[in-house]
Amino acid sequence: MAKEALIIVDMSNDFVADDGSLTAGKPAQEIVPYIIETANEFLSRDQVVVVAMDAHQENDQHFELWPAHNVVGTFGQQLYGDLMTWYQEHEANSNVMMQPKSNYNAFFNTNLAEKLRALDVEKVHVVGVCTDICDFLTVAGADAEGFKTAIHKRGTATFTDLGETFVNHMKTCFFTEIVE
């Protein structure tokens, strides 16, 4: 039977906390309850929840473009606030997985597509940060791997004013369903 997966993108201390090194700040903090509610709803329907998290080394080339963030093993890379509590309560569930990523796109140079196919996932829903970077490119990656896609507007945030533009790009470019 076909399943769906919720991918929670980059909801780390560095991207969400007030003092995070590359934070989307309050807009990102405000989506946490929606993400938890949506993740719980997915699990209640025996669907899949993936936490896709930047995992950079100290000398990562990304730091030529961006401030150092999500360095493996640091507080900044840990899930933010109530999301960490939620994950700790559910990580033993076989439908919950952590997916480290070294690129904006959670499918690039990872085995995420294979893991999802093995679980009969056909559609990927995306929430998290940042709408116009990692969310957009993860949707693009899912589309390139042949998955149907959905973006949850109430579950995304960014530190730019381009969020709405990129949500519309997802719909236009990848036939992404927009969940209001």
N, C-alpha and C. Protein backbone atom coordinates (compact mmCIF):
# COMPACT_ATOMS: atom_id res chain seq x y z
N MET A 1 0.84 -1.18 0.00
CA MET A 1 0.00 0.00 0.00
C MET A 1 0.88 1.25 0.00
N ALA A 2 0.58 2.19 -0.87
CA ALA A 2 1.37 3.42 -1.00
C ALA A 2 1.29 4.26 0.28
N LYS A 3 2.43 4.83 0.62
CA LYS A 3 2.51 5.68 1.80
C LYS A 3 2.94 7.09 1.42
N GLU A 4 2.85 7.96 2.40
CA GLU A 4 3.34 9.32 2.27
C GLU A 4 4.37 9.56 3.36
N ALA A 5 5.27 10.52 3.11
CA ALA A 5 6.29 10.86 4.10
C ALA A 5 6.28 12.35 4.34
N LEU A 6 6.46 12.72 5.59
CA LEU A 6 6.67 14.11 5.98
C LEU A 6 8.16 14.30 6.20
N ILE A 7 8.75 15.25 5.48
CA ILE A 7 10.17 15.55 5.69
C ILE A 7 10.26 16.89 6.43
N ILE A 8 10.83 16.83 7.62
CA ILE A 8 11.06 18.03 8.44
C ILE A 8 12.48 18.49 8.14
N VAL A 9 12.62 19.66 7.51
CA VAL A 9 13.91 20.11 7.00
C VAL A 9 14.55 21.13 7.95
N ASP A 10 15.75 20.81 8.42
CA ASP A 10 16.68 21.75 9.08
C ASP A 10 16.12 22.54 10.26
N MET A 11 15.29 21.92 11.06
CA MET A 11 14.74 22.63 12.22
C MET A 11 15.70 22.52 13.42
N SER A 12 16.90 23.01 13.22
CA SER A 12 17.96 22.94 14.22
C SER A 12 18.05 24.23 15.02
N ASN A 13 18.81 24.18 16.09
CA ASN A 13 19.07 25.38 16.89
C ASN A 13 19.71 26.48 16.04
N ASP A 14 20.64 26.11 15.16
CA ASP A 14 21.31 27.13 14.34
C ASP A 14 20.36 27.82 13.37
N PHE A 15 19.30 27.13 12.93
CA PHE A 15 18.36 27.73 11.98
C PHE A 15 17.12 28.33 12.64
N VAL A 16 16.86 27.98 13.91
CA VAL A 16 15.59 28.37 14.53
C VAL A 16 15.75 29.23 15.78
N ALA A 17 16.71 28.91 16.63
CA ALA A 17 16.87 29.64 17.90
C ALA A 17 17.23 31.10 17.66
N ASP A 18 16.86 31.95 18.61
CA ASP A 18 17.16 33.38 18.49
C ASP A 18 18.65 33.63 18.27
N ASP A 19 19.49 32.82 18.91
CA ASP A 19 20.93 33.02 18.80
C ASP A 19 21.58 32.06 17.81
N GLY A 20 20.80 31.41 16.96
CA GLY A 20 21.35 30.50 15.96
C GLY A 20 22.23 31.24 14.96
N SER A 21 23.22 30.57 14.45
CA SER A 21 24.19 31.23 13.57
C SER A 21 23.63 31.60 12.20
N LEU A 22 22.52 30.96 11.79
CA LEU A 22 21.91 31.25 10.49
C LEU A 22 20.38 31.16 10.66
N THR A 23 19.89 31.89 11.62
CA THR A 23 18.51 31.69 12.08
C THR A 23 17.46 32.40 11.25
N ALA A 24 16.33 31.72 11.10
CA ALA A 24 15.13 32.35 10.57
C ALA A 24 14.31 32.93 11.72
N GLY A 25 14.74 32.69 12.94
CA GLY A 25 14.17 33.33 14.13
C GLY A 25 12.72 33.03 14.41
N LYS A 26 12.00 34.07 14.82
CA LYS A 26 10.61 33.92 15.26
C LYS A 26 9.72 33.22 14.24
N PRO A 27 9.79 33.56 12.93
CA PRO A 27 8.95 32.83 11.98
C PRO A 27 9.18 31.31 12.03
N ALA A 28 10.41 30.88 12.21
CA ALA A 28 10.71 29.45 12.31
C ALA A 28 10.21 28.88 13.63
N GLN A 29 10.36 29.63 14.70
CA GLN A 29 9.88 29.17 16.01
C GLN A 29 8.36 29.00 16.00
N GLU A 30 7.67 29.87 15.30
CA GLU A 30 6.21 29.84 15.27
C GLU A 30 5.63 28.64 14.53
N ILE A 31 6.42 27.98 13.67
CA ILE A 31 5.90 26.82 12.93
C ILE A 31 6.10 25.50 13.67
N VAL A 32 6.82 25.52 14.78
CA VAL A 32 7.10 24.28 15.52
C VAL A 32 5.83 23.54 15.93
N PRO A 33 4.82 24.21 16.53
CA PRO A 33 3.60 23.46 16.90
C PRO A 33 2.92 22.81 15.69
N TYR A 34 2.87 23.51 14.56
CA TYR A 34 2.26 22.93 13.36
C TYR A 34 3.03 21.69 12.90
N ILE A 35 4.36 21.77 12.92
CA ILE A 35 5.18 20.63 12.50
C ILE A 35 4.94 19.43 13.41
N ILE A 36 4.91 19.65 14.71
CA ILE A 36 4.67 18.55 15.65
C ILE A 36 3.29 17.95 15.44
N GLU A 37 2.28 18.81 15.29
CA GLU A 37 0.92 18.34 15.05
C GLU A 37 0.85 17.52 13.76
N THR A 38 1.50 17.99 12.71
CA THR A 38 1.49 17.29 11.43
C THR A 38 2.24 15.97 11.53
N ALA A 39 3.39 15.97 12.20
CA ALA A 39 4.15 14.73 12.38
C ALA A 39 3.33 13.70 13.15
N ASN A 40 2.65 14.13 14.20
CA ASN A 40 1.80 13.21 14.96
C ASN A 40 0.67 12.66 14.11
N GLU A 41 0.10 13.51 13.28
CA GLU A 41 -0.98 13.07 12.39
C GLU A 41 -0.46 12.02 11.40
N PHE A 42 0.73 12.24 10.84
CA PHE A 42 1.32 11.26 9.92
C PHE A 42 1.53 9.92 10.63
N LEU A 43 2.09 9.96 11.83
CA LEU A 43 2.34 8.71 12.56
C LEU A 43 1.04 8.01 12.92
N SER A 44 -0.01 8.78 13.24
CA SER A 44 -1.29 8.15 13.59
C SER A 44 -1.89 7.41 12.40
N ARG A 45 -1.49 7.78 11.19
CA ARG A 45 -1.97 7.10 9.97
C ARG A 45 -0.93 6.10 9.44
N ASP A 46 0.06 5.73 10.27
CA ASP A 46 1.11 4.78 9.90
C ASP A 46 1.91 5.26 8.69
N GLN A 47 2.14 6.58 8.63
CA GLN A 47 2.95 7.17 7.57
C GLN A 47 4.37 7.42 8.10
N VAL A 48 5.24 7.96 7.28
CA VAL A 48 6.65 8.10 7.59
C VAL A 48 6.98 9.55 7.92
N VAL A 49 7.85 9.76 8.91
CA VAL A 49 8.36 11.09 9.24
C VAL A 49 9.88 11.04 9.20
N VAL A 50 10.45 11.94 8.39
CA VAL A 50 11.90 12.02 8.23
C VAL A 50 12.36 13.38 8.77
N VAL A 51 13.37 13.35 9.61
CA VAL A 51 14.01 14.59 10.05
C VAL A 51 15.29 14.72 9.22
N ALA A 52 15.27 15.64 8.25
CA ALA A 52 16.43 15.86 7.38
C ALA A 52 17.22 17.04 7.95
N MET A 53 18.48 16.79 8.26
CA MET A 53 19.24 17.79 9.01
C MET A 53 20.61 18.01 8.39
N ASP A 54 20.93 19.28 8.12
CA ASP A 54 22.28 19.62 7.70
C ASP A 54 23.27 19.00 8.67
N ALA A 55 24.34 18.44 8.14
CA ALA A 55 25.39 17.82 8.96
C ALA A 55 26.72 18.20 8.33
N HIS A 56 27.27 19.33 8.78
CA HIS A 56 28.50 19.86 8.18
C HIS A 56 29.70 19.59 9.07
N GLN A 57 30.85 19.45 8.43
CA GLN A 57 32.11 19.37 9.15
C GLN A 57 32.62 20.80 9.37
N GLU A 58 33.56 20.97 10.28
CA GLU A 58 34.04 22.32 10.64
C GLU A 58 34.59 23.10 9.45
N ASN A 59 35.18 22.43 8.50
CA ASN A 59 35.81 23.12 7.36
C ASN A 59 34.97 23.02 6.08
N ASP A 60 33.67 22.85 6.22
CA ASP A 60 32.78 22.65 5.08
C ASP A 60 32.82 23.83 4.12
N GLN A 61 32.79 23.54 2.82
CA GLN A 61 32.83 24.59 1.80
C GLN A 61 31.60 25.51 1.86
N HIS A 62 30.49 25.05 2.44
CA HIS A 62 29.31 25.90 2.59
C HIS A 62 29.63 27.16 3.41
N PHE A 63 30.64 27.06 4.26
CA PHE A 63 30.96 28.18 5.14
C PHE A 63 31.71 29.29 4.41
N GLU A 64 31.98 29.09 3.12
CA GLU A 64 32.49 30.18 2.29
C GLU A 64 31.33 31.10 1.89
N LEU A 65 30.11 30.55 1.88
CA LEU A 65 28.92 31.31 1.50
C LEU A 65 28.09 31.73 2.70
N TRP A 66 28.05 30.88 3.72
CA TRP A 66 27.18 31.07 4.88
C TRP A 66 28.01 31.03 6.16
N PRO A 67 27.50 31.62 7.24
CA PRO A 67 28.17 31.44 8.53
C PRO A 67 28.19 29.95 8.89
N ALA A 68 29.18 29.54 9.67
CA ALA A 68 29.24 28.14 10.12
C ALA A 68 27.93 27.79 10.81
N HIS A 69 27.37 26.61 10.46
CA HIS A 69 26.10 26.18 11.03
C HIS A 69 26.00 24.66 10.97
N ASN A 70 25.22 24.12 11.87
CA ASN A 70 24.94 22.69 11.91
C ASN A 70 26.20 21.83 11.81
N VAL A 71 27.22 22.23 12.53
CA VAL A 71 28.44 21.43 12.59
C VAL A 71 28.13 20.18 13.41
N VAL A 72 28.48 19.03 12.86
CA VAL A 72 28.18 17.74 13.49
C VAL A 72 28.63 17.73 14.94
N GLY A 73 27.72 17.30 15.80
CA GLY A 73 28.03 17.14 17.22
C GLY A 73 27.87 18.39 18.06
N THR A 74 27.47 19.49 17.47
CA THR A 74 27.33 20.74 18.23
C THR A 74 25.87 20.95 18.66
N PHE A 75 25.68 21.83 19.62
CA PHE A 75 24.34 22.21 20.06
C PHE A 75 23.57 22.82 18.90
N GLY A 76 24.24 23.56 18.05
CA GLY A 76 23.59 24.20 16.91
C GLY A 76 22.96 23.22 15.95
N GLN A 77 23.49 22.00 15.87
CA GLN A 77 22.95 21.01 14.94
C GLN A 77 21.76 20.24 15.54
N GLN A 78 21.56 20.33 16.82
CA GLN A 78 20.47 19.59 17.46
C GLN A 78 19.11 20.18 17.08
N LEU A 79 18.09 19.33 17.08
CA LEU A 79 16.74 19.80 16.85
C LEU A 79 16.37 20.87 17.87
N TYR A 80 15.58 21.82 17.43
CA TYR A 80 15.19 22.95 18.26
C TYR A 80 14.04 22.59 19.21
N GLY A 81 14.20 22.94 20.48
CA GLY A 81 13.15 22.95 21.48
C GLY A 81 12.25 21.73 21.52
N ASP A 82 10.95 21.97 21.36
CA ASP A 82 9.95 20.90 21.47
C ASP A 82 10.11 19.85 20.37
N LEU A 83 10.74 20.21 19.27
CA LEU A 83 11.00 19.20 18.22
C LEU A 83 11.99 18.15 18.70
N MET A 84 12.97 18.57 19.50
CA MET A 84 13.92 17.60 20.08
C MET A 84 13.18 16.65 21.01
N THR A 85 12.30 17.20 21.84
CA THR A 85 11.52 16.36 22.76
C THR A 85 10.64 15.39 21.96
N TRP A 86 9.98 15.91 20.92
CA TRP A 86 9.13 15.06 20.08
C TRP A 86 9.95 13.92 19.48
N TYR A 87 11.11 14.25 18.93
CA TYR A 87 11.95 13.24 18.29
C TYR A 87 12.39 12.17 19.31
N GLN A 88 12.83 12.60 20.46
CA GLN A 88 13.28 11.65 21.48
C GLN A 88 12.14 10.70 21.90
N GLU A 89 10.92 11.21 21.90
CA GLU A 89 9.78 10.37 22.26
C GLU A 89 9.40 9.39 21.16
N HIS A 90 9.78 9.68 19.91
CA HIS A 90 9.33 8.87 18.77
C HIS A 90 10.45 8.18 17.98
N GLU A 91 11.70 8.40 18.33
CA GLU A 91 12.78 7.88 17.50
C GLU A 91 12.82 6.36 17.42
N ALA A 92 12.23 5.68 18.38
CA ALA A 92 12.19 4.21 18.34
C ALA A 92 11.13 3.69 17.36
N ASN A 93 10.24 4.57 16.92
CA ASN A 93 9.19 4.19 15.96
C ASN A 93 9.86 3.91 14.61
N SER A 94 9.55 2.78 14.02
CA SER A 94 10.19 2.42 12.75
C SER A 94 9.79 3.34 11.60
N ASN A 95 8.76 4.15 11.77
CA ASN A 95 8.36 5.10 10.74
C ASN A 95 8.98 6.48 10.94
N VAL A 96 9.90 6.61 11.89
CA VAL A 96 10.60 7.88 12.14
C VAL A 96 12.07 7.66 11.86
N MET A 97 12.66 8.55 11.06
CA MET A 97 14.09 8.41 10.77
C MET A 97 14.77 9.76 10.71
N MET A 98 16.04 9.76 11.05
CA MET A 98 16.90 10.93 10.93
C MET A 98 17.73 10.77 9.66
N GLN A 99 17.76 11.81 8.84
CA GLN A 99 18.53 11.78 7.59
C GLN A 99 19.52 12.94 7.57
N PRO A 100 20.79 12.68 7.87
CA PRO A 100 21.79 13.73 7.73
C PRO A 100 21.96 14.09 6.25
N LYS A 101 22.26 15.36 6.00
CA LYS A 101 22.48 15.81 4.62
C LYS A 101 23.60 16.84 4.61
N SER A 102 24.37 16.83 3.54
CA SER A 102 25.48 17.77 3.42
C SER A 102 25.19 18.86 2.40
N ASN A 103 23.98 18.81 1.84
CA ASN A 103 23.59 19.72 0.77
C ASN A 103 22.21 20.28 1.10
N TYR A 104 21.80 21.28 0.39
CA TYR A 104 20.49 21.89 0.59
C TYR A 104 19.37 20.87 0.36
N ASN A 105 19.53 20.01 -0.61
CA ASN A 105 18.56 19.01 -1.04
C ASN A 105 18.76 17.73 -0.22
N ALA A 106 17.73 17.31 0.51
CA ALA A 106 17.84 16.13 1.36
C ALA A 106 18.04 14.83 0.57
N PHE A 107 17.83 14.87 -0.75
CA PHE A 107 18.01 13.68 -1.58
C PHE A 107 19.38 13.61 -2.23
N PHE A 108 20.12 14.73 -2.23
CA PHE A 108 21.41 14.78 -2.93
C PHE A 108 22.48 14.04 -2.15
N ASN A 109 23.09 13.03 -2.79
CA ASN A 109 24.16 12.23 -2.18
C ASN A 109 23.74 11.57 -0.86
N THR A 110 22.46 11.23 -0.74
CA THR A 110 21.98 10.44 0.40
C THR A 110 21.22 9.24 -0.17
N ASN A 111 20.85 8.35 0.70
CA ASN A 111 20.05 7.21 0.26
C ASN A 111 18.59 7.38 0.66
N LEU A 112 18.16 8.62 0.84
CA LEU A 112 16.80 8.89 1.27
C LEU A 112 15.76 8.34 0.29
N ALA A 113 15.98 8.54 -1.00
CA ALA A 113 15.01 8.04 -1.98
C ALA A 113 14.85 6.53 -1.87
N GLU A 114 15.96 5.81 -1.72
CA GLU A 114 15.89 4.35 -1.60
C GLU A 114 15.17 3.94 -0.32
N LYS A 115 15.44 4.64 0.78
CA LYS A 115 14.76 4.32 2.03
C LYS A 115 13.25 4.51 1.89
N LEU A 116 12.85 5.62 1.26
CA LEU A 116 11.42 5.90 1.11
C LEU A 116 10.77 4.90 0.16
N ARG A 117 11.44 4.55 -0.92
CA ARG A 117 10.89 3.55 -1.85
C ARG A 117 10.71 2.20 -1.15
N ALA A 118 11.67 1.84 -0.30
CA ALA A 118 11.58 0.57 0.43
C ALA A 118 10.37 0.54 1.35
N LEU A 119 9.90 1.72 1.76
CA LEU A 119 8.72 1.82 2.61
C LEU A 119 7.44 2.09 1.80
N ASP A 120 7.55 2.00 0.48
CA ASP A 120 6.43 2.22 -0.44
C ASP A 120 5.88 3.65 -0.42
N VAL A 121 6.75 4.61 -0.12
CA VAL A 121 6.33 6.01 -0.14
C VAL A 121 6.23 6.48 -1.58
N GLU A 122 5.13 7.15 -1.90
CA GLU A 122 4.93 7.71 -3.23
C GLU A 122 4.84 9.23 -3.23
N LYS A 123 4.51 9.81 -2.05
CA LYS A 123 4.36 11.26 -1.97
C LYS A 123 5.12 11.79 -0.78
N VAL A 124 5.82 12.92 -1.00
CA VAL A 124 6.63 13.56 0.02
C VAL A 124 6.02 14.91 0.36
N HIS A 125 5.82 15.16 1.65
CA HIS A 125 5.37 16.46 2.16
C HIS A 125 6.56 17.12 2.83
N VAL A 126 6.73 18.42 2.63
CA VAL A 126 7.88 19.13 3.18
C VAL A 126 7.43 20.26 4.10
N VAL A 127 8.10 20.34 5.26
CA VAL A 127 7.96 21.44 6.22
C VAL A 127 9.35 21.80 6.69
N GLY A 128 9.51 22.96 7.32
CA GLY A 128 10.78 23.34 7.90
C GLY A 128 11.34 24.61 7.29
N VAL A 129 12.65 24.75 7.36
CA VAL A 129 13.34 25.96 6.88
C VAL A 129 14.45 25.55 5.92
N CYS A 130 14.83 26.41 5.10
CA CYS A 130 14.21 27.67 4.73
C CYS A 130 13.44 27.46 3.43
N THR A 131 12.26 28.07 3.35
CA THR A 131 11.34 27.85 2.24
C THR A 131 12.01 27.99 0.89
N ASP A 132 12.83 29.02 0.74
CA ASP A 132 13.41 29.37 -0.55
C ASP A 132 14.77 28.74 -0.81
N ILE A 133 15.24 27.90 0.11
CA ILE A 133 16.53 27.25 -0.10
C ILE A 133 16.35 25.74 0.07
N CYS A 134 16.50 25.24 1.28
CA CYS A 134 16.48 23.79 1.50
C CYS A 134 15.12 23.16 1.27
N ASP A 135 14.03 23.85 1.62
CA ASP A 135 12.71 23.29 1.34
C ASP A 135 12.51 23.18 -0.17
N PHE A 136 12.78 24.27 -0.88
CA PHE A 136 12.62 24.29 -2.34
C PHE A 136 13.46 23.20 -3.00
N LEU A 137 14.72 23.10 -2.61
CA LEU A 137 15.61 22.14 -3.26
C LEU A 137 15.31 20.70 -2.84
N THR A 138 14.77 20.49 -1.65
CA THR A 138 14.34 19.15 -1.27
C THR A 138 13.11 18.74 -2.07
N VAL A 139 12.19 19.66 -2.30
CA VAL A 139 11.05 19.37 -3.17
C VAL A 139 11.55 19.06 -4.58
N ALA A 140 12.50 19.83 -5.07
CA ALA A 140 13.08 19.56 -6.40
C ALA A 140 13.72 18.18 -6.44
N GLY A 141 14.43 17.82 -5.39
CA GLY A 141 15.06 16.51 -5.32
C GLY A 141 14.05 15.38 -5.28
N ALA A 142 12.99 15.57 -4.51
CA ALA A 142 11.94 14.56 -4.45
C ALA A 142 11.28 14.38 -5.81
N ASP A 143 11.03 15.50 -6.48
CA ASP A 143 10.44 15.46 -7.81
C ASP A 143 11.36 14.72 -8.78
N ALA A 144 12.63 15.03 -8.74
CA ALA A 144 13.61 14.38 -9.63
C ALA A 144 13.68 12.88 -9.37
N GLU A 145 13.40 12.46 -8.14
CA GLU A 145 13.41 11.03 -7.79
C GLU A 145 12.07 10.35 -8.09
N GLY A 146 11.11 11.12 -8.61
CA GLY A 146 9.84 10.53 -9.02
C GLY A 146 8.74 10.54 -7.99
N PHE A 147 8.95 11.25 -6.87
CA PHE A 147 7.91 11.33 -5.85
C PHE A 147 6.95 12.47 -6.16
N LYS A 148 5.67 12.30 -5.83
CA LYS A 148 4.74 13.42 -5.81
C LYS A 148 5.14 14.28 -4.63
N THR A 149 4.84 15.58 -4.69
CA THR A 149 5.29 16.48 -3.64
C THR A 149 4.18 17.39 -3.13
N ALA A 150 4.34 17.80 -1.87
CA ALA A 150 3.45 18.77 -1.23
C ALA A 150 4.29 19.65 -0.32
N ILE A 151 3.96 20.92 -0.28
CA ILE A 151 4.62 21.87 0.63
C ILE A 151 3.54 22.42 1.56
N HIS A 152 3.83 22.45 2.85
CA HIS A 152 2.88 22.94 3.85
C HIS A 152 3.25 24.38 4.19
N LYS A 153 2.50 25.34 3.66
CA LYS A 153 2.82 26.76 3.88
C LYS A 153 2.86 27.12 5.36
N ARG A 154 1.96 26.58 6.16
CA ARG A 154 1.95 26.89 7.59
C ARG A 154 3.12 26.24 8.32
N GLY A 155 3.83 25.36 7.65
CA GLY A 155 4.94 24.65 8.28
C GLY A 155 6.29 25.03 7.72
N THR A 156 6.36 26.17 7.01
CA THR A 156 7.65 26.61 6.46
C THR A 156 7.94 28.05 6.87
N ALA A 157 9.21 28.39 6.89
CA ALA A 157 9.65 29.75 7.22
C ALA A 157 11.00 29.99 6.57
N THR A 158 11.35 31.27 6.46
CA THR A 158 12.65 31.64 5.90
C THR A 158 13.09 32.99 6.47
N PHE A 159 14.34 33.33 6.22
CA PHE A 159 14.86 34.62 6.70
C PHE A 159 14.88 35.67 5.60
N THR A 160 14.25 35.37 4.47
CA THR A 160 14.15 36.33 3.36
C THR A 160 12.68 36.67 3.12
N ASP A 161 12.42 37.49 2.14
CA ASP A 161 11.04 37.81 1.78
C ASP A 161 10.60 37.01 0.55
N LEU A 162 11.27 35.90 0.27
CA LEU A 162 11.01 35.13 -0.95
C LEU A 162 10.19 33.85 -0.73
N GLY A 163 9.71 33.63 0.48
CA GLY A 163 9.00 32.39 0.78
C GLY A 163 7.83 32.13 -0.14
N GLU A 164 6.95 33.09 -0.30
CA GLU A 164 5.75 32.92 -1.13
C GLU A 164 6.13 32.69 -2.59
N THR A 165 7.14 33.40 -3.05
CA THR A 165 7.61 33.24 -4.43
C THR A 165 8.06 31.81 -4.68
N PHE A 166 8.81 31.26 -3.75
CA PHE A 166 9.33 29.91 -3.94
C PHE A 166 8.25 28.83 -3.76
N VAL A 167 7.27 29.09 -2.92
CA VAL A 167 6.13 28.17 -2.83
C VAL A 167 5.44 28.11 -4.20
N ASN A 168 5.24 29.27 -4.81
CA ASN A 168 4.62 29.31 -6.14
C ASN A 168 5.49 28.64 -7.19
N HIS A 169 6.82 28.79 -7.07
CA HIS A 169 7.73 28.09 -7.99
C HIS A 169 7.58 26.57 -7.85
N MET A 170 7.44 26.09 -6.62
CA MET A 170 7.27 24.65 -6.41
C MET A 170 6.02 24.15 -7.13
N LYS A 171 4.94 24.91 -7.00
CA LYS A 171 3.69 24.52 -7.66
C LYS A 171 3.86 24.52 -9.18
N THR A 172 4.49 25.56 -9.71
CA THR A 172 4.66 25.70 -11.15
C THR A 172 5.67 24.71 -11.72
N CYS A 173 6.80 24.57 -11.06
CA CYS A 173 7.90 23.76 -11.60
C CYS A 173 7.71 22.26 -11.37
N PHE A 174 7.15 21.89 -10.23
CA PHE A 174 7.12 20.48 -9.83
C PHE A 174 5.70 19.96 -9.60
N PHE A 175 4.69 20.75 -9.93
CA PHE A 175 3.29 20.37 -9.70
C PHE A 175 3.06 20.03 -8.22
N THR A 176 3.77 20.75 -7.36
CA THR A 176 3.68 20.52 -5.92
C THR A 176 2.33 20.97 -5.39
N GLU A 177 1.72 20.12 -4.60
CA GLU A 177 0.48 20.49 -3.92
C GLU A 177 0.82 21.48 -2.82
N ILE A 178 0.06 22.56 -2.73
CA ILE A 178 0.26 23.53 -1.66
C ILE A 178 -0.79 23.26 -0.59
N VAL A 179 -0.32 22.90 0.61
CA VAL A 179 -1.20 22.67 1.74
C VAL A 179 -1.23 23.96 2.54
N GLU A 180 -2.41 24.56 2.63
CA GLU A 180 -2.54 25.87 3.30
C GLU A 180 -2.45 25.75 4.80
